[in-house]
Amino acid sequence: AELLDEDLVFSLNDLAQRGAVHVEVIIELVEEGVLEPEG
């Protein structure tokens, strides 16, 4: 239920921790357009 909650907000580090990946992986996914963060 939390995963689909639009009000739930993660920082880059939070998302990396919850996804069990390194921050660099998320940065690459943002650069590729897979993830579109605010900011």
Full PDB file with SEQRES, HELIX, SHEET, SSBOND, CRYST1, ORIGX, SCALE, CONECT and MASTER records, all heavy atoms in Angstrom:
SEQRES   1 A   39  ALA GLU LEU LEU ASP GLU ASP LEU VAL PHE SER LEU ASN          
SEQRES   2 A   39  ASP LEU ALA GLN ARG GLY ALA VAL HIS VAL GLU VAL ILE          
SEQRES   3 A   39  ILE GLU LEU VAL GLU GLU GLY VAL LEU GLU PRO GLU GLY          
HELIX    1 AA1 LEU A   12  GLY A   19  1                                   8    
HELIX    2 AA2 VAL A   23  GLU A   31  1                                   9    
CRYST1    1.000    1.000    1.000  90.00  90.00  90.00 P 1           1          
ORIGX1      1.000000  0.000000  0.000000        0.00000                         
ORIGX2      0.000000  1.000000  0.000000        0.00000                         
ORIGX3      0.000000  0.000000  1.000000        0.00000                         
SCALE1      1.000000  0.000000  0.000000        0.00000                         
SCALE2      0.000000  1.000000  0.000000        0.00000                         
SCALE3      0.000000  0.000000  1.000000        0.00000                         
ATOM      1  N   ALA A   1       0.835  -1.203   0.000  1.00  0.00           N  
ATOM      2  CA  ALA A   1       0.000   0.000   0.000  1.00  0.00           C  
ATOM      3  C   ALA A   1       0.869   1.252   0.000  1.00  0.00           C  
ATOM      4  O   ALA A   1       0.552   2.240  -0.651  1.00  0.00           O  
ATOM      5  CB  ALA A   1      -0.933   0.000   1.196  1.00  0.00           C  
ATOM      6  N   GLU A   2       1.984   1.225   0.718  1.00  0.00           N  
ATOM      7  CA  GLU A   2       2.886   2.375   0.744  1.00  0.00           C  
ATOM      8  C   GLU A   2       3.533   2.592  -0.611  1.00  0.00           C  
ATOM      9  O   GLU A   2       3.774   3.722  -1.009  1.00  0.00           O  
ATOM     10  CB  GLU A   2       3.986   2.179   1.794  1.00  0.00           C  
ATOM     11  CG  GLU A   2       3.604   2.565   3.174  1.00  0.00           C  
ATOM     12  CD  GLU A   2       4.793   2.539   4.107  1.00  0.00           C  
ATOM     13  OE1 GLU A   2       5.868   3.022   3.729  1.00  0.00           O  
ATOM     14  OE2 GLU A   2       4.628   2.029   5.219  1.00  0.00           O  
ATOM     15  N   LEU A   3       3.846   1.520  -1.313  1.00  0.00           N  
ATOM     16  CA  LEU A   3       4.526   1.650  -2.597  1.00  0.00           C  
ATOM     17  C   LEU A   3       3.698   2.440  -3.593  1.00  0.00           C  
ATOM     18  O   LEU A   3       4.238   3.130  -4.449  1.00  0.00           O  
ATOM     19  CB  LEU A   3       4.827   0.267  -3.182  1.00  0.00           C  
ATOM     20  CG  LEU A   3       5.790  -0.603  -2.395  1.00  0.00           C  
ATOM     21  CD1 LEU A   3       5.956  -1.943  -3.091  1.00  0.00           C  
ATOM     22  CD2 LEU A   3       7.125   0.073  -2.213  1.00  0.00           C  
ATOM     23  N   LEU A   4       2.408   2.353  -3.497  1.00  0.00           N  
ATOM     24  CA  LEU A   4       1.529   3.035  -4.432  1.00  0.00           C  
ATOM     25  C   LEU A   4       1.086   4.397  -3.908  1.00  0.00           C  
ATOM     26  O   LEU A   4       0.350   5.099  -4.584  1.00  0.00           O  
ATOM     27  CB  LEU A   4       0.315   2.152  -4.731  1.00  0.00           C  
ATOM     28  CG  LEU A   4       0.678   0.781  -5.304  1.00  0.00           C  
ATOM     29  CD1 LEU A   4      -0.568  -0.059  -5.475  1.00  0.00           C  
ATOM     30  CD2 LEU A   4       1.429   0.901  -6.605  1.00  0.00           C  
ATOM     31  N   ASP A   5       1.528   4.767  -2.740  1.00  0.00           N  
ATOM     32  CA  ASP A   5       1.134   6.019  -2.106  1.00  0.00           C  
ATOM     33  C   ASP A   5       1.922   7.185  -2.713  1.00  0.00           C  
ATOM     34  O   ASP A   5       3.122   7.287  -2.543  1.00  0.00           O  
ATOM     35  CB  ASP A   5       1.383   5.932  -0.602  1.00  0.00           C  
ATOM     36  CG  ASP A   5       0.895   7.147   0.163  1.00  0.00           C  
ATOM     37  OD1 ASP A   5       0.451   8.122  -0.469  1.00  0.00           O  
ATOM     38  OD2 ASP A   5       0.966   7.112   1.400  1.00  0.00           O  
ATOM     39  N   GLU A   6       1.207   8.047  -3.415  1.00  0.00           N  
ATOM     40  CA  GLU A   6       1.832   9.213  -4.041  1.00  0.00           C  
ATOM     41  C   GLU A   6       2.356  10.207  -3.007  1.00  0.00           C  
ATOM     42  O   GLU A   6       3.202  11.022  -3.311  1.00  0.00           O  
ATOM     43  CB  GLU A   6       0.829   9.921  -4.966  1.00  0.00           C  
ATOM     44  CG  GLU A   6       0.593   9.210  -6.267  1.00  0.00           C  
ATOM     45  CD  GLU A   6       1.743   9.321  -7.255  1.00  0.00           C  
ATOM     46  OE1 GLU A   6       2.543  10.274  -7.172  1.00  0.00           O  
ATOM     47  OE2 GLU A   6       1.841   8.432  -8.106  1.00  0.00           O  
ATOM     48  N   ASP A   7       1.821  10.140  -1.770  1.00  0.00           N  
ATOM     49  CA  ASP A   7       2.234  11.086  -0.737  1.00  0.00           C  
ATOM     50  C   ASP A   7       3.539  10.662  -0.061  1.00  0.00           C  
ATOM     51  O   ASP A   7       4.166  11.460   0.620  1.00  0.00           O  
ATOM     52  CB  ASP A   7       1.142  11.232   0.321  1.00  0.00           C  
ATOM     53  CG  ASP A   7      -0.117  11.858  -0.249  1.00  0.00           C  
ATOM     54  OD1 ASP A   7      -0.003  12.662  -1.204  1.00  0.00           O  
ATOM     55  OD2 ASP A   7      -1.212  11.542   0.238  1.00  0.00           O  
ATOM     56  N   LEU A   8       3.921   9.412  -0.246  1.00  0.00           N  
ATOM     57  CA  LEU A   8       5.159   8.911   0.332  1.00  0.00           C  
ATOM     58  C   LEU A   8       6.331   9.509  -0.437  1.00  0.00           C  
ATOM     59  O   LEU A   8       6.347   9.488  -1.665  1.00  0.00           O  
ATOM     60  CB  LEU A   8       5.193   7.382   0.237  1.00  0.00           C  
ATOM     61  CG  LEU A   8       6.281   6.657   0.982  1.00  0.00           C  
ATOM     62  CD1 LEU A   8       6.117   6.864   2.487  1.00  0.00           C  
ATOM     63  CD2 LEU A   8       6.209   5.180   0.670  1.00  0.00           C  
ATOM     64  N   VAL A   9       7.307  10.076   0.273  1.00  0.00           N  
ATOM     65  CA  VAL A   9       8.431  10.750  -0.376  1.00  0.00           C  
ATOM     66  C   VAL A   9       9.745  10.144   0.109  1.00  0.00           C  
ATOM     67  O   VAL A   9       9.938   9.927   1.303  1.00  0.00           O  
ATOM     68  CB  VAL A   9       8.411  12.268  -0.069  1.00  0.00           C  
ATOM     69  CG1 VAL A   9       9.604  12.965  -0.702  1.00  0.00           C  
ATOM     70  CG2 VAL A   9       7.108  12.891  -0.545  1.00  0.00           C  
ATOM     71  N   PHE A  10      10.636   9.881  -0.858  1.00  0.00           N  
ATOM     72  CA  PHE A  10      11.965   9.347  -0.558  1.00  0.00           C  
ATOM     73  C   PHE A  10      13.031  10.294  -1.096  1.00  0.00           C  
ATOM     74  O   PHE A  10      12.885  10.824  -2.193  1.00  0.00           O  
ATOM     75  CB  PHE A  10      12.200   7.997  -1.260  1.00  0.00           C  
ATOM     76  CG  PHE A  10      11.240   6.917  -0.887  1.00  0.00           C  
ATOM     77  CD1 PHE A  10      10.304   6.460  -1.802  1.00  0.00           C  
ATOM     78  CD2 PHE A  10      11.286   6.318   0.357  1.00  0.00           C  
ATOM     79  CE1 PHE A  10       9.425   5.443  -1.482  1.00  0.00           C  
ATOM     80  CE2 PHE A  10      10.406   5.298   0.690  1.00  0.00           C  
ATOM     81  CZ  PHE A  10       9.479   4.859  -0.234  1.00  0.00           C  
ATOM     82  N   SER A  11      14.102  10.444  -0.354  1.00  0.00           N  
ATOM     83  CA  SER A  11      15.289  11.105  -0.893  1.00  0.00           C  
ATOM     84  C   SER A  11      16.044  10.078  -1.730  1.00  0.00           C  
ATOM     85  O   SER A  11      15.689   8.893  -1.749  1.00  0.00           O  
ATOM     86  CB  SER A  11      16.184  11.593   0.252  1.00  0.00           C  
ATOM     87  OG  SER A  11      16.760  10.472   0.919  1.00  0.00           O  
ATOM     88  N   LEU A  12      17.084  10.512  -2.403  1.00  0.00           N  
ATOM     89  CA  LEU A  12      17.918   9.598  -3.198  1.00  0.00           C  
ATOM     90  C   LEU A  12      18.463   8.478  -2.325  1.00  0.00           C  
ATOM     91  O   LEU A  12      18.392   7.301  -2.684  1.00  0.00           O  
ATOM     92  CB  LEU A  12      19.048  10.386  -3.867  1.00  0.00           C  
ATOM     93  CG  LEU A  12      20.082   9.588  -4.652  1.00  0.00           C  
ATOM     94  CD1 LEU A  12      19.426   8.817  -5.791  1.00  0.00           C  
ATOM     95  CD2 LEU A  12      21.161  10.522  -5.187  1.00  0.00           C  
ATOM     96  N   ASN A  13      18.992   8.832  -1.161  1.00  0.00           N  
ATOM     97  CA  ASN A  13      19.559   7.811  -0.269  1.00  0.00           C  
ATOM     98  C   ASN A  13      18.489   6.878   0.276  1.00  0.00           C  
ATOM     99  O   ASN A  13      18.724   5.677   0.422  1.00  0.00           O  
ATOM    100  CB  ASN A  13      20.331   8.472   0.872  1.00  0.00           C  
ATOM    101  CG  ASN A  13      21.626   9.090   0.401  1.00  0.00           C  
ATOM    102  OD1 ASN A  13      22.276   8.578  -0.506  1.00  0.00           O  
ATOM    103  ND2 ASN A  13      22.002  10.208   0.996  1.00  0.00           N  
ATOM    104  N   ASP A  14      17.313   7.428   0.602  1.00  0.00           N  
ATOM    105  CA  ASP A  14      16.209   6.587   1.082  1.00  0.00           C  
ATOM    106  C   ASP A  14      15.806   5.561   0.025  1.00  0.00           C  
ATOM    107  O   ASP A  14      15.606   4.391   0.329  1.00  0.00           O  
ATOM    108  CB  ASP A  14      14.972   7.424   1.422  1.00  0.00           C  
ATOM    109  CG  ASP A  14      15.158   8.324   2.627  1.00  0.00           C  
ATOM    110  OD1 ASP A  14      16.056   8.041   3.448  1.00  0.00           O  
ATOM    111  OD2 ASP A  14      14.399   9.310   2.740  1.00  0.00           O  
ATOM    112  N   LEU A  15      15.674   6.037  -1.223  1.00  0.00           N  
ATOM    113  CA  LEU A  15      15.271   5.143  -2.303  1.00  0.00           C  
ATOM    114  C   LEU A  15      16.326   4.057  -2.524  1.00  0.00           C  
ATOM    115  O   LEU A  15      15.991   2.890  -2.710  1.00  0.00           O  
ATOM    116  CB  LEU A  15      15.025   5.922  -3.598  1.00  0.00           C  
ATOM    117  CG  LEU A  15      14.384   5.123  -4.722  1.00  0.00           C  
ATOM    118  CD1 LEU A  15      12.948   4.745  -4.366  1.00  0.00           C  
ATOM    119  CD2 LEU A  15      14.416   5.905  -6.026  1.00  0.00           C  
ATOM    120  N   ALA A  16      17.581   4.447  -2.470  1.00  0.00           N  
ATOM    121  CA  ALA A  16      18.661   3.470  -2.641  1.00  0.00           C  
ATOM    122  C   ALA A  16      18.607   2.415  -1.536  1.00  0.00           C  
ATOM    123  O   ALA A  16      18.743   1.217  -1.807  1.00  0.00           O  
ATOM    124  CB  ALA A  16      20.015   4.178  -2.638  1.00  0.00           C  
ATOM    125  N   GLN A  17      18.376   2.862  -0.312  1.00  0.00           N  
ATOM    126  CA  GLN A  17      18.301   1.912   0.806  1.00  0.00           C  
ATOM    127  C   GLN A  17      17.092   0.998   0.650  1.00  0.00           C  
ATOM    128  O   GLN A  17      17.206  -0.216   0.794  1.00  0.00           O  
ATOM    129  CB  GLN A  17      18.225   2.665   2.128  1.00  0.00           C  
ATOM    130  CG  GLN A  17      18.188   1.735   3.318  1.00  0.00           C  
ATOM    131  CD  GLN A  17      18.093   2.481   4.635  1.00  0.00           C  
ATOM    132  OE1 GLN A  17      17.810   3.664   4.679  1.00  0.00           O  
ATOM    133  NE2 GLN A  17      18.328   1.763   5.716  1.00  0.00           N  
ATOM    134  N   ARG A  18      15.925   1.555   0.336  1.00  0.00           N  
ATOM    135  CA  ARG A  18      14.706   0.743   0.193  1.00  0.00           C  
ATOM    136  C   ARG A  18      14.793  -0.216  -0.990  1.00  0.00           C  
ATOM    137  O   ARG A  18      14.204  -1.281  -0.973  1.00  0.00           O  
ATOM    138  CB  ARG A  18      13.480   1.627   0.022  1.00  0.00           C  
ATOM    139  CG  ARG A  18      13.171   2.508   1.193  1.00  0.00           C  
ATOM    140  CD  ARG A  18      12.322   1.769   2.205  1.00  0.00           C  
ATOM    141  NE  ARG A  18      12.022   2.643   3.313  1.00  0.00           N  
ATOM    142  CZ  ARG A  18      10.838   2.789   3.841  1.00  0.00           C  
ATOM    143  NH1 ARG A  18       9.821   2.113   3.344  1.00  0.00           N  
ATOM    144  NH2 ARG A  18      10.650   3.582   4.850  1.00  0.00           N  
ATOM    145  N   GLY A  19      15.536   0.198  -2.032  1.00  0.00           N  
ATOM    146  CA  GLY A  19      15.688  -0.651  -3.205  1.00  0.00           C  
ATOM    147  C   GLY A  19      16.884  -1.576  -3.126  1.00  0.00           C  
ATOM    148  O   GLY A  19      17.106  -2.401  -4.012  1.00  0.00           O  
ATOM    149  N   ALA A  20      17.678  -1.428  -2.061  1.00  0.00           N  
ATOM    150  CA  ALA A  20      18.884  -2.232  -1.855  1.00  0.00           C  
ATOM    151  C   ALA A  20      19.842  -2.125  -3.037  1.00  0.00           C  
ATOM    152  O   ALA A  20      20.385  -3.120  -3.515  1.00  0.00           O  
ATOM    153  CB  ALA A  20      18.518  -3.690  -1.567  1.00  0.00           C  
ATOM    154  N   VAL A  21      20.027  -0.893  -3.523  1.00  0.00           N  
ATOM    155  CA  VAL A  21      20.970  -0.622  -4.616  1.00  0.00           C  
ATOM    156  C   VAL A  21      21.852   0.561  -4.235  1.00  0.00           C  
ATOM    157  O   VAL A  21      21.537   1.312  -3.311  1.00  0.00           O  
ATOM    158  CB  VAL A  21      20.242  -0.311  -5.952  1.00  0.00           C  
ATOM    159  CG1 VAL A  21      19.412  -1.490  -6.415  1.00  0.00           C  
ATOM    160  CG2 VAL A  21      19.401   0.937  -5.851  1.00  0.00           C  
ATOM    161  N   HIS A  22      22.929   0.720  -4.965  1.00  0.00           N  
ATOM    162  CA  HIS A  22      23.793   1.872  -4.764  1.00  0.00           C  
ATOM    163  C   HIS A  22      23.168   3.104  -5.398  1.00  0.00           C  
ATOM    164  O   HIS A  22      22.428   3.016  -6.383  1.00  0.00           O  
ATOM    165  CB  HIS A  22      25.173   1.626  -5.379  1.00  0.00           C  
ATOM    166  CG  HIS A  22      25.942   0.557  -4.669  1.00  0.00           C  
ATOM    167  ND1 HIS A  22      26.581   0.768  -3.484  1.00  0.00           N  
ATOM    168  CD2 HIS A  22      26.146  -0.745  -4.988  1.00  0.00           C  
ATOM    169  CE1 HIS A  22      27.161  -0.347  -3.089  1.00  0.00           C  
ATOM    170  NE2 HIS A  22      26.912  -1.297  -3.981  1.00  0.00           N  
ATOM    171  N   VAL A  23      23.476   4.246  -4.850  1.00  0.00           N  
ATOM    172  CA  VAL A  23      22.967   5.526  -5.345  1.00  0.00           C  
ATOM    173  C   VAL A  23      23.281   5.694  -6.831  1.00  0.00           C  
ATOM    174  O   VAL A  23      22.462   6.221  -7.595  1.00  0.00           O  
ATOM    175  CB  VAL A  23      23.571   6.682  -4.510  1.00  0.00           C  
ATOM    176  CG1 VAL A  23      23.304   8.026  -5.139  1.00  0.00           C  
ATOM    177  CG2 VAL A  23      23.034   6.639  -3.083  1.00  0.00           C  
ATOM    178  N   GLU A  24      24.440   5.217  -7.259  1.00  0.00           N  
ATOM    179  CA  GLU A  24      24.845   5.354  -8.663  1.00  0.00           C  
ATOM    180  C   GLU A  24      23.866   4.672  -9.612  1.00  0.00           C  
ATOM    181  O   GLU A  24      23.636   5.137 -10.717  1.00  0.00           O  
ATOM    182  CB  GLU A  24      26.257   4.793  -8.886  1.00  0.00           C  
ATOM    183  CG  GLU A  24      27.359   5.568  -8.191  1.00  0.00           C  
ATOM    184  CD  GLU A  24      27.491   5.258  -6.694  1.00  0.00           C  
ATOM    185  OE1 GLU A  24      26.971   4.203  -6.233  1.00  0.00           O  
ATOM    186  OE2 GLU A  24      28.084   6.079  -5.980  1.00  0.00           O  
ATOM    187  N   VAL A  25      23.284   3.560  -9.179  1.00  0.00           N  
ATOM    188  CA  VAL A  25      22.299   2.845 -10.003  1.00  0.00           C  
ATOM    189  C   VAL A  25      21.083   3.735 -10.231  1.00  0.00           C  
ATOM    190  O   VAL A  25      20.583   3.849 -11.354  1.00  0.00           O  
ATOM    191  CB  VAL A  25      21.887   1.511  -9.337  1.00  0.00           C  
ATOM    192  CG1 VAL A  25      20.722   0.866 -10.067  1.00  0.00           C  
ATOM    193  CG2 VAL A  25      23.078   0.564  -9.262  1.00  0.00           C  
ATOM    194  N   ILE A  26      20.631   4.385  -9.186  1.00  0.00           N  
ATOM    195  CA  ILE A  26      19.463   5.262  -9.309  1.00  0.00           C  
ATOM    196  C   ILE A  26      19.785   6.449 -10.203  1.00  0.00           C  
ATOM    197  O   ILE A  26      18.974   6.838 -11.054  1.00  0.00           O  
ATOM    198  CB  ILE A  26      18.976   5.714  -7.925  1.00  0.00           C  
ATOM    199  CG1 ILE A  26      18.486   4.484  -7.155  1.00  0.00           C  
ATOM    200  CG2 ILE A  26      17.878   6.766  -8.048  1.00  0.00           C  
ATOM    201  CD1 ILE A  26      18.131   4.739  -5.729  1.00  0.00           C  
ATOM    202  N   ILE A  27      20.968   7.016 -10.048  1.00  0.00           N  
ATOM    203  CA  ILE A  27      21.380   8.144 -10.897  1.00  0.00           C  
ATOM    204  C   ILE A  27      21.364   7.729 -12.364  1.00  0.00           C  
ATOM    205  O   ILE A  27      20.867   8.466 -13.220  1.00  0.00           O  
ATOM    206  CB  ILE A  27      22.756   8.679 -10.457  1.00  0.00           C  
ATOM    207  CG1 ILE A  27      22.640   9.342  -9.086  1.00  0.00           C  
ATOM    208  CG2 ILE A  27      23.322   9.655 -11.500  1.00  0.00           C  
ATOM    209  CD1 ILE A  27      23.963   9.727  -8.455  1.00  0.00           C  
ATOM    210  N   GLU A  28      21.869   6.536 -12.666  1.00  0.00           N  
ATOM    211  CA  GLU A  28      21.855   6.042 -14.049  1.00  0.00           C  
ATOM    212  C   GLU A  28      20.428   5.851 -14.558  1.00  0.00           C  
ATOM    213  O   GLU A  28      20.132   6.170 -15.710  1.00  0.00           O  
ATOM    214  CB  GLU A  28      22.631   4.726 -14.148  1.00  0.00           C  
ATOM    215  CG  GLU A  28      24.120   4.883 -13.982  1.00  0.00           C  
ATOM    216  CD  GLU A  28      24.866   3.559 -13.966  1.00  0.00           C  
ATOM    217  OE1 GLU A  28      24.221   2.493 -13.910  1.00  0.00           O  
ATOM    218  OE2 GLU A  28      26.109   3.597 -13.998  1.00  0.00           O  
ATOM    219  N   LEU A  29      19.541   5.358 -13.707  1.00  0.00           N  
ATOM    220  CA  LEU A  29      18.143   5.168 -14.107  1.00  0.00           C  
ATOM    221  C   LEU A  29      17.453   6.503 -14.351  1.00  0.00           C  
ATOM    222  O   LEU A  29      16.621   6.629 -15.249  1.00  0.00           O  
ATOM    223  CB  LEU A  29      17.390   4.347 -13.062  1.00  0.00           C  
ATOM    224  CG  LEU A  29      17.795   2.875 -12.966  1.00  0.00           C  
ATOM    225  CD1 LEU A  29      17.165   2.210 -11.748  1.00  0.00           C  
ATOM    226  CD2 LEU A  29      17.430   2.118 -14.240  1.00  0.00           C  
ATOM    227  N   VAL A  30      17.811   7.522 -13.583  1.00  0.00           N  
ATOM    228  CA  VAL A  30      17.271   8.864 -13.808  1.00  0.00           C  
ATOM    229  C   VAL A  30      17.789   9.409 -15.134  1.00  0.00           C  
ATOM    230  O   VAL A  30      17.026   9.953 -15.943  1.00  0.00           O  
ATOM    231  CB  VAL A  30      17.623   9.812 -12.641  1.00  0.00           C  
ATOM    232  CG1 VAL A  30      17.293  11.262 -12.996  1.00  0.00           C  
ATOM    233  CG2 VAL A  30      16.888   9.392 -11.366  1.00  0.00           C  
ATOM    234  N   GLU A  31      19.078   9.243 -15.380  1.00  0.00           N  
ATOM    235  CA  GLU A  31      19.677   9.726 -16.632  1.00  0.00           C  
ATOM    236  C   GLU A  31      19.055   9.045 -17.845  1.00  0.00           C  
ATOM    237  O   GLU A  31      18.922   9.652 -18.905  1.00  0.00           O  
ATOM    238  CB  GLU A  31      21.186   9.503 -16.619  1.00  0.00           C  
ATOM    239  CG  GLU A  31      21.915  10.412 -15.654  1.00  0.00           C  
ATOM    240  CD  GLU A  31      23.388  10.069 -15.478  1.00  0.00           C  
ATOM    241  OE1 GLU A  31      23.846   9.015 -15.996  1.00  0.00           O  
ATOM    242  OE2 GLU A  31      24.086  10.856 -14.812  1.00  0.00           O  
ATOM    243  N   GLU A  32      18.624   7.806 -17.692  1.00  0.00           N  
ATOM    244  CA  GLU A  32      18.019   7.048 -18.790  1.00  0.00           C  
ATOM    245  C   GLU A  32      16.516   7.322 -18.908  1.00  0.00           C  
ATOM    246  O   GLU A  32      15.885   6.904 -19.871  1.00  0.00           O  
ATOM    247  CB  GLU A  32      18.271   5.548 -18.591  1.00  0.00           C  
ATOM    248  CG  GLU A  32      18.098   4.706 -19.807  1.00  0.00           C  
ATOM    249  CD  GLU A  32      19.007   5.061 -20.969  1.00  0.00           C  
ATOM    250  OE1 GLU A  32      20.221   5.262 -20.754  1.00  0.00           O  
ATOM    251  OE2 GLU A  32      18.501   5.140 -22.100  1.00  0.00           O  
ATOM    252  N   GLY A  33      15.947   8.022 -17.924  1.00  0.00           N  
ATOM    253  CA  GLY A  33      14.537   8.360 -17.982  1.00  0.00           C  
ATOM    254  C   GLY A  33      13.617   7.326 -17.364  1.00  0.00           C  
ATOM    255  O   GLY A  33      12.398   7.447 -17.457  1.00  0.00           O  
ATOM    256  N   VAL A  34      14.186   6.331 -16.725  1.00  0.00           N  
ATOM    257  CA  VAL A  34      13.373   5.294 -16.077  1.00  0.00           C  
ATOM    258  C   VAL A  34      12.704   5.863 -14.825  1.00  0.00           C  
ATOM    259  O   VAL A  34      11.545   5.595 -14.545  1.00  0.00           O  
ATOM    260  CB  VAL A  34      14.226   4.054 -15.722  1.00  0.00           C  
ATOM    261  CG1 VAL A  34      13.432   3.052 -14.906  1.00  0.00           C  
ATOM    262  CG2 VAL A  34      14.777   3.411 -16.990  1.00  0.00           C  
ATOM    263  N   LEU A  35      13.446   6.659 -14.079  1.00  0.00           N  
ATOM    264  CA  LEU A  35      12.928   7.333 -12.891  1.00  0.00           C  
ATOM    265  C   LEU A  35      12.951   8.830 -13.146  1.00  0.00           C  
ATOM    266  O   LEU A  35      13.907   9.339 -13.744  1.00  0.00           O  
ATOM    267  CB  LEU A  35      13.769   6.994 -11.657  1.00  0.00           C  
ATOM    268  CG  LEU A  35      13.801   5.536 -11.231  1.00  0.00           C  
ATOM    269  CD1 LEU A  35      14.819   5.326 -10.121  1.00  0.00           C  
ATOM    270  CD2 LEU A  35      12.433   5.077 -10.792  1.00  0.00           C  
ATOM    271  N   GLU A  36      11.924   9.535 -12.692  1.00  0.00           N  
ATOM    272  CA  GLU A  36      11.820  10.980 -12.910  1.00  0.00           C  
ATOM    273  C   GLU A  36      11.531  11.669 -11.584  1.00  0.00           C  
ATOM    274  O   GLU A  36      10.378  11.934 -11.248  1.00  0.00           O  
ATOM    275  CB  GLU A  36      10.738  11.277 -13.935  1.00  0.00           C  
ATOM    276  CG  GLU A  36      11.051  10.698 -15.296  1.00  0.00           C  
ATOM    277  CD  GLU A  36       9.935  10.930 -16.311  1.00  0.00           C  
ATOM    278  OE1 GLU A  36       8.893  11.518 -15.960  1.00  0.00           O  
ATOM    279  OE2 GLU A  36      10.118  10.507 -17.455  1.00  0.00           O  
ATOM    280  N   PRO A  37      12.590  11.974 -10.836  1.00  0.00           N  
ATOM    281  CA  PRO A  37      12.389  12.607  -9.527  1.00  0.00           C  
ATOM    282  C   PRO A  37      12.007  14.078  -9.662  1.00  0.00           C  
ATOM    283  O   PRO A  37      12.222  14.698 -10.706  1.00  0.00           O  
ATOM    284  CB  PRO A  37      13.769  12.471  -8.881  1.00  0.00           C  
ATOM    285  CG  PRO A  37      14.714  12.507 -10.027  1.00  0.00           C  
ATOM    286  CD  PRO A  37      14.004  11.776 -11.145  1.00  0.00           C  
ATOM    287  N   GLU A  38      11.457  14.606  -8.593  1.00  0.00           N  
ATOM    288  CA  GLU A  38      11.257  16.044  -8.492  1.00  0.00           C  
ATOM    289  C   GLU A  38      12.564  16.626  -7.969  1.00  0.00           C  
ATOM    290  O   GLU A  38      13.248  16.000  -7.185  1.00  0.00           O  
ATOM    291  CB  GLU A  38      10.118  16.343  -7.523  1.00  0.00           C  
ATOM    292  CG  GLU A  38       8.783  15.798  -7.971  1.00  0.00           C  
ATOM    293  CD  GLU A  38       7.718  15.925  -6.899  1.00  0.00           C  
ATOM    294  OE1 GLU A  38       7.942  16.596  -5.876  1.00  0.00           O  
ATOM    295  OE2 GLU A  38       6.653  15.327  -7.087  1.00  0.00           O  
ATOM    296  N   GLY A  39      12.913  17.832  -8.398  1.00  0.00           N  
ATOM    297  CA  GLY A  39      14.154  18.468  -7.964  1.00  0.00           C  
ATOM    298  C   GLY A  39      15.180  18.465  -9.072  1.00  0.00           C  
ATOM    299  O   GLY A  39      15.149  17.616  -9.962  1.00  0.00           O  
TER     300      GLY A  39                                                      
MASTER        0    0    0    2    0    0    0    6  299    1    0    3          
END                                                                             
